[in-house]
Amino acid sequence: MVQKTLKIIHAGALQIVMEKCQEHFLPNYPDLQIELTGVGSREGAKRLLTGEKYDIIALADQALFAELLVPNLVNNYFIFASDQIVLGSHEESKGNKEITSENWTEVLLKPQVSFARSDHRLDPCGYRTLMVWQLAERFYDRPGLYSTLEAACIPYSIYPKSIDLSQALLNGQVDYAFLYSSEVRHLGLPFIPLAPKINLSNPAYAKFYDQASVSLESKIPGTNIIIHGSPIEFAIGIAKDSFQSDIAQSFVDFLTGEEGAAILEECGLTPC
């Protein structure tokens, strides 16, 4: 029996989701092997642009498909889950007895407190964190807050993607981290929810979110594109040159179906 391989590149934040889907999907395909590659979503999309071959692409920002992959590398994509940005902590975090959804900026900016985000150049969680800070500046009417937070934050290059940052938080290497709700819930870590008007979770605030923006390198090296804030949506697509397109479609159908929805909910995501 010739073994087939299904290659999936996915957002680091989807690692547990993909592992659980693999576990439930493989019994139906005894001759199949699944290779999972977890990266920052922007990095993942760019890997396809540089010629790396995958059958399935699952990203933490649906906008990356339209910006970088459709129509040359992917025909279409499907939004399958939503999430929100929260401020993760741990039991020994400095200031954890006083921090709230209202005073989190004051606590983070205390000299003894450390906090971090992932790399905005590679990971949507990183640029979404920058957007959260911009929106917080408007929401709390505190001019200069964005720049102050950026200056006080641990250098972003230390944590390429959100899953790296979540492990650092779990290990107590930082006091606080801006992460997806699903990540901190899965790790069983405490977290501070942020106001819906700044946490990028609610479509009703899409116009407010749109006021935040981040400049990133486009698919043409040396040129930039402006990314605007929007509700967080995860999406999945099949590569046009997939060697296993039928099996890839079955996997996408599984993830976006009832069994997949149950796995997403178990992992803290909201199925769409």
Protein backbone atom coordinates (compact mmCIF):
# COMPACT_ATOMS: atom_id res chain seq x y z
CA MET A 1 0.00 0.00 0.00
CA VAL A 2 1.44 3.34 -1.07
CA GLN A 3 1.21 5.89 1.70
CA LYS A 4 -0.09 9.35 0.80
CA THR A 5 1.00 12.53 2.58
CA LEU A 6 -1.24 15.51 3.27
CA LYS A 7 0.86 18.59 4.02
CA ILE A 8 -0.80 21.28 6.13
CA ILE A 9 0.74 24.63 7.02
CA HIS A 10 -1.16 26.41 9.76
CA ALA A 11 -1.12 29.29 12.21
CA GLY A 12 0.77 28.42 15.37
CA ALA A 13 -2.38 29.33 17.31
CA LEU A 14 -4.14 26.43 15.58
CA GLN A 15 -1.65 23.78 16.64
CA ILE A 16 -3.95 22.00 19.10
CA VAL A 17 -6.91 22.29 16.73
CA MET A 18 -4.95 20.68 13.91
CA GLU A 19 -3.58 17.92 16.12
CA LYS A 20 -7.09 17.03 17.31
CA CYS A 21 -8.47 17.14 13.76
CA GLN A 22 -5.63 14.89 12.62
CA GLU A 23 -6.43 12.42 15.39
CA HIS A 24 -10.11 12.21 14.39
CA PHE A 25 -9.57 12.37 10.64
CA LEU A 26 -6.84 9.75 10.11
CA PRO A 27 -8.87 6.63 11.08
CA ASN A 28 -10.84 7.13 7.85
CA TYR A 29 -7.64 7.14 5.78
CA PRO A 30 -5.37 4.27 6.91
CA ASP A 31 -2.89 4.91 4.08
CA LEU A 32 -2.55 8.63 4.86
CA GLN A 33 0.13 10.54 6.72
CA ILE A 34 -0.46 14.16 7.76
CA GLU A 35 2.44 16.59 8.10
CA LEU A 36 1.65 19.65 10.23
CA THR A 37 3.79 22.79 10.04
CA GLY A 38 2.95 25.54 12.52
CA VAL A 39 4.21 29.07 11.79
CA GLY A 40 3.12 32.68 12.07
CA SER A 41 0.33 33.11 9.52
CA ARG A 42 2.03 35.87 7.56
CA GLU A 43 5.20 33.80 7.40
CA GLY A 44 3.12 30.80 6.28
CA ALA A 45 1.53 32.66 3.39
CA LYS A 46 4.93 33.94 2.30
CA ARG A 47 6.36 30.42 2.34
CA LEU A 48 3.89 29.52 -0.39
CA LEU A 49 4.93 32.63 -2.30
CA THR A 50 8.54 31.45 -2.21
CA GLY A 51 7.60 28.07 -3.68
CA GLU A 52 7.13 25.78 -0.68
CA LYS A 53 4.45 23.16 -1.37
CA TYR A 54 1.51 22.40 0.90
CA ASP A 55 -1.94 20.97 0.32
CA ILE A 56 -3.84 22.98 2.94
CA ILE A 57 -3.28 26.46 4.37
CA ALA A 58 -5.02 27.46 7.62
CA LEU A 59 -4.35 31.02 8.75
CA ALA A 60 -5.27 33.23 11.70
CA ASP A 61 -6.24 36.14 9.44
CA GLN A 62 -8.59 35.56 6.53
CA ALA A 63 -7.39 38.80 4.89
CA LEU A 64 -4.03 37.15 4.13
CA PHE A 65 -5.68 34.95 1.52
CA ALA A 66 -6.95 37.90 -0.50
CA GLU A 67 -3.73 39.85 -0.02
CA LEU A 68 -1.16 37.15 -0.78
CA LEU A 69 -2.62 33.87 -2.04
CA VAL A 70 -5.79 34.30 -4.13
CA PRO A 71 -6.04 33.72 -7.09
CA ASN A 72 -2.52 32.60 -8.01
CA LEU A 73 -1.94 29.97 -5.30
CA VAL A 74 -5.41 29.33 -3.83
CA ASN A 75 -8.75 29.47 -5.61
CA ASN A 76 -10.90 30.25 -2.58
CA TYR A 77 -10.97 30.01 1.19
CA PHE A 78 -13.43 29.48 4.02
CA ILE A 79 -13.75 31.41 7.29
CA PHE A 80 -14.23 28.82 10.03
CA ALA A 81 -13.64 30.44 13.44
CA SER A 82 -13.38 33.69 15.37
CA ASP A 83 -11.51 34.74 18.51
CA GLN A 84 -10.43 37.80 20.51
CA ILE A 85 -7.25 39.32 21.93
CA VAL A 86 -6.87 39.03 25.72
CA LEU A 87 -4.12 39.81 28.20
CA GLY A 88 -2.81 36.50 29.51
CA SER A 89 -1.12 36.19 32.90
CA HIS A 90 -0.03 33.52 35.39
CA GLU A 91 -0.23 32.97 39.14
CA GLU A 92 3.04 34.77 39.85
CA SER A 93 2.46 37.75 37.52
CA LYS A 94 3.41 41.02 39.18
CA GLY A 95 0.33 43.13 39.85
CA ASN A 96 -2.09 40.24 39.32
CA LYS A 97 -4.04 41.11 42.47
CA GLU A 98 -4.92 44.56 41.19
CA ILE A 99 -5.09 44.32 37.40
CA THR A 100 -8.54 44.61 35.77
CA SER A 101 -10.09 45.17 32.36
CA GLU A 102 -10.11 48.89 33.18
CA ASN A 103 -6.65 49.53 34.67
CA TRP A 104 -4.50 47.09 32.67
CA THR A 105 -2.53 49.86 30.97
CA GLU A 106 -1.45 51.36 34.31
CA VAL A 107 -0.33 47.98 35.64
CA LEU A 108 1.62 47.04 32.48
CA LEU A 109 3.51 50.33 32.56
CA LYS A 110 4.83 49.86 36.08
CA PRO A 111 8.65 49.54 35.97
CA GLN A 112 8.75 46.10 37.58
CA VAL A 113 6.15 44.55 35.26
CA SER A 114 7.11 42.75 32.02
CA PHE A 115 4.82 42.12 29.06
CA ALA A 116 5.26 40.92 25.50
CA ARG A 117 3.69 40.39 22.11
CA SER A 118 4.55 38.28 19.08
CA ASP A 119 6.31 39.52 15.94
CA HIS A 120 3.95 41.62 13.81
CA ARG A 121 6.06 40.92 10.71
CA LEU A 122 5.29 37.18 10.93
CA ASP A 123 2.21 36.72 13.07
CA PRO A 124 -1.29 38.27 12.97
CA CYS A 125 -1.48 38.14 16.77
CA GLY A 126 1.49 40.52 16.77
CA TYR A 127 -0.02 43.12 14.48
CA ARG A 128 -3.42 42.71 16.10
CA THR A 129 -1.81 43.57 19.43
CA LEU A 130 -0.52 46.82 17.93
CA MET A 131 -4.06 47.52 16.74
CA VAL A 132 -5.44 46.84 20.23
CA TRP A 133 -3.02 49.43 21.63
CA GLN A 134 -4.04 51.99 19.03
CA LEU A 135 -7.71 51.39 19.74
CA ALA A 136 -7.09 51.59 23.49
CA GLU A 137 -5.53 55.03 22.99
CA ARG A 138 -8.76 56.19 21.34
CA PHE A 139 -11.12 54.29 23.63
CA TYR A 140 -9.55 55.60 26.85
CA ASP A 141 -8.74 59.01 25.32
CA ARG A 142 -5.09 58.76 26.32
CA PRO A 143 -2.91 60.39 23.64
CA GLY A 144 0.49 58.72 23.37
CA LEU A 145 -0.61 55.44 24.98
CA TYR A 146 0.25 53.38 21.88
CA SER A 147 3.82 54.68 21.72
CA THR A 148 4.27 54.26 25.48
CA LEU A 149 3.16 50.63 25.37
CA GLU A 150 5.34 49.92 22.36
CA ALA A 151 8.40 51.37 24.10
CA ALA A 152 7.78 49.39 27.31
CA CYS A 153 7.07 46.03 25.64
CA ILE A 154 9.67 43.26 25.47
CA PRO A 155 11.28 43.32 21.97
CA TYR A 156 8.87 41.53 19.62
CA SER A 157 11.65 39.66 17.84
CA ILE A 158 12.05 37.40 20.89
CA TYR A 159 8.71 35.66 20.21
CA PRO A 160 8.11 34.99 16.49
CA LYS A 161 4.55 33.69 16.91
CA SER A 162 1.85 33.60 19.54
CA ILE A 163 2.43 29.96 20.46
CA ASP A 164 6.04 30.81 21.39
CA LEU A 165 4.78 33.66 23.53
CA SER A 166 2.13 31.50 25.21
CA GLN A 167 4.81 28.99 26.25
CA ALA A 168 6.94 31.82 27.67
CA LEU A 169 3.94 32.97 29.68
CA LEU A 170 3.26 29.42 30.86
CA ASN A 171 6.87 29.14 32.01
CA GLY A 172 6.71 32.46 33.87
CA GLN A 173 9.23 34.21 31.62
CA VAL A 174 6.92 37.22 31.25
CA ASP A 175 4.24 38.62 33.55
CA TYR A 176 1.67 39.33 30.83
CA ALA A 177 1.21 38.53 27.14
CA PHE A 178 -1.23 39.63 24.45
CA LEU A 179 -2.65 36.40 23.05
CA TYR A 180 -5.76 34.85 21.59
CA SER A 181 -8.39 33.86 24.13
CA SER A 182 -8.29 30.28 22.81
CA GLU A 183 -4.57 29.98 23.57
CA VAL A 184 -4.74 31.02 27.21
CA ARG A 185 -7.91 29.01 27.79
CA HIS A 186 -6.28 25.88 26.43
CA LEU A 187 -3.27 26.39 28.70
CA GLY A 188 -5.53 26.99 31.69
CA LEU A 189 -3.92 30.35 32.38
CA PRO A 190 -5.73 33.31 33.93
CA PHE A 191 -6.38 36.27 31.68
CA ILE A 192 -7.80 39.77 31.68
CA PRO A 193 -10.52 40.30 29.07
CA LEU A 194 -10.31 43.56 27.16
CA ALA A 195 -13.23 45.81 26.26
CA PRO A 196 -15.14 44.51 23.20
CA LYS A 197 -14.52 47.82 21.47
CA ILE A 198 -10.77 47.13 21.42
CA ASN A 199 -10.38 43.30 21.51
CA LEU A 200 -11.23 42.77 17.80
CA SER A 201 -14.00 40.28 18.57
CA ASN A 202 -17.25 42.00 17.69
CA PRO A 203 -18.42 42.67 14.10
CA ALA A 204 -20.63 45.45 15.48
CA TYR A 205 -17.44 47.46 16.13
CA ALA A 206 -15.85 46.79 12.73
CA LYS A 207 -15.89 50.47 11.80
CA PHE A 208 -14.13 51.40 15.05
CA TYR A 209 -11.57 48.62 14.57
CA ASP A 210 -10.86 49.91 11.07
CA GLN A 211 -9.32 53.07 12.56
CA ALA A 212 -6.29 51.02 13.67
CA SER A 213 -3.67 50.16 11.08
CA VAL A 214 -0.20 48.62 10.75
CA SER A 215 2.28 48.86 7.89
CA LEU A 216 3.73 45.52 6.78
CA GLU A 217 5.87 44.28 3.91
CA SER A 218 3.71 43.26 0.95
CA LYS A 219 4.26 40.28 -1.32
CA ILE A 220 6.55 42.50 -3.40
CA PRO A 221 9.82 42.77 -1.44
CA GLY A 222 10.70 46.33 -0.50
CA THR A 223 7.13 47.60 -0.66
CA ASN A 224 4.62 47.89 2.16
CA ILE A 225 0.89 47.44 2.60
CA ILE A 226 -1.37 48.99 5.24
CA ILE A 227 -3.42 46.43 7.23
CA HIS A 228 -6.51 47.77 9.02
CA GLY A 229 -8.15 46.41 12.14
CA SER A 230 -11.10 44.06 11.71
CA PRO A 231 -12.88 41.30 13.67
CA ILE A 232 -10.60 38.27 14.12
CA GLU A 233 -11.44 35.49 11.65
CA PHE A 234 -9.49 32.28 10.96
CA ALA A 235 -9.68 30.82 7.44
CA ILE A 236 -8.60 27.74 5.51
CA GLY A 237 -7.93 27.05 1.85
CA ILE A 238 -6.56 24.38 -0.51
CA ALA A 239 -3.49 25.01 -2.66
CA LYS A 240 -4.20 25.02 -6.39
CA ASP A 241 -1.29 22.64 -6.99
CA SER A 242 -2.20 20.23 -4.17
CA PHE A 243 -1.22 16.63 -4.91
CA GLN A 244 -4.02 15.42 -2.62
CA SER A 245 -6.84 17.80 -3.52
CA ASP A 246 -9.67 15.30 -2.87
CA ILE A 247 -8.35 14.37 0.58
CA ALA A 248 -7.60 18.03 1.28
CA GLN A 249 -11.21 18.89 0.49
CA SER A 250 -12.38 16.13 2.84
CA PHE A 251 -10.21 17.56 5.61
CA VAL A 252 -11.61 21.07 5.04
CA ASP A 253 -15.14 19.64 5.07
CA PHE A 254 -14.33 17.89 8.35
CA LEU A 255 -12.96 21.04 9.99
CA THR A 256 -15.88 23.18 8.85
CA GLY A 257 -18.49 20.52 9.72
CA GLU A 258 -20.10 19.44 12.98
CA GLU A 259 -17.15 17.39 14.24
CA GLY A 260 -14.76 20.21 13.46
CA ALA A 261 -17.01 22.73 15.21
CA ALA A 262 -16.94 20.59 18.36
CA ILE A 263 -13.13 20.51 18.25
CA LEU A 264 -12.96 24.28 17.74
CA GLU A 265 -15.22 24.88 20.74
CA GLU A 266 -13.18 22.45 22.83
CA CYS A 267 -10.08 24.47 21.92
CA GLY A 268 -11.68 27.79 22.88
CA LEU A 269 -12.51 29.09 19.40
CA THR A 270 -15.94 30.18 18.19
CA PRO A 271 -17.00 28.26 15.03
CA CYS A 272 -18.34 30.42 12.21
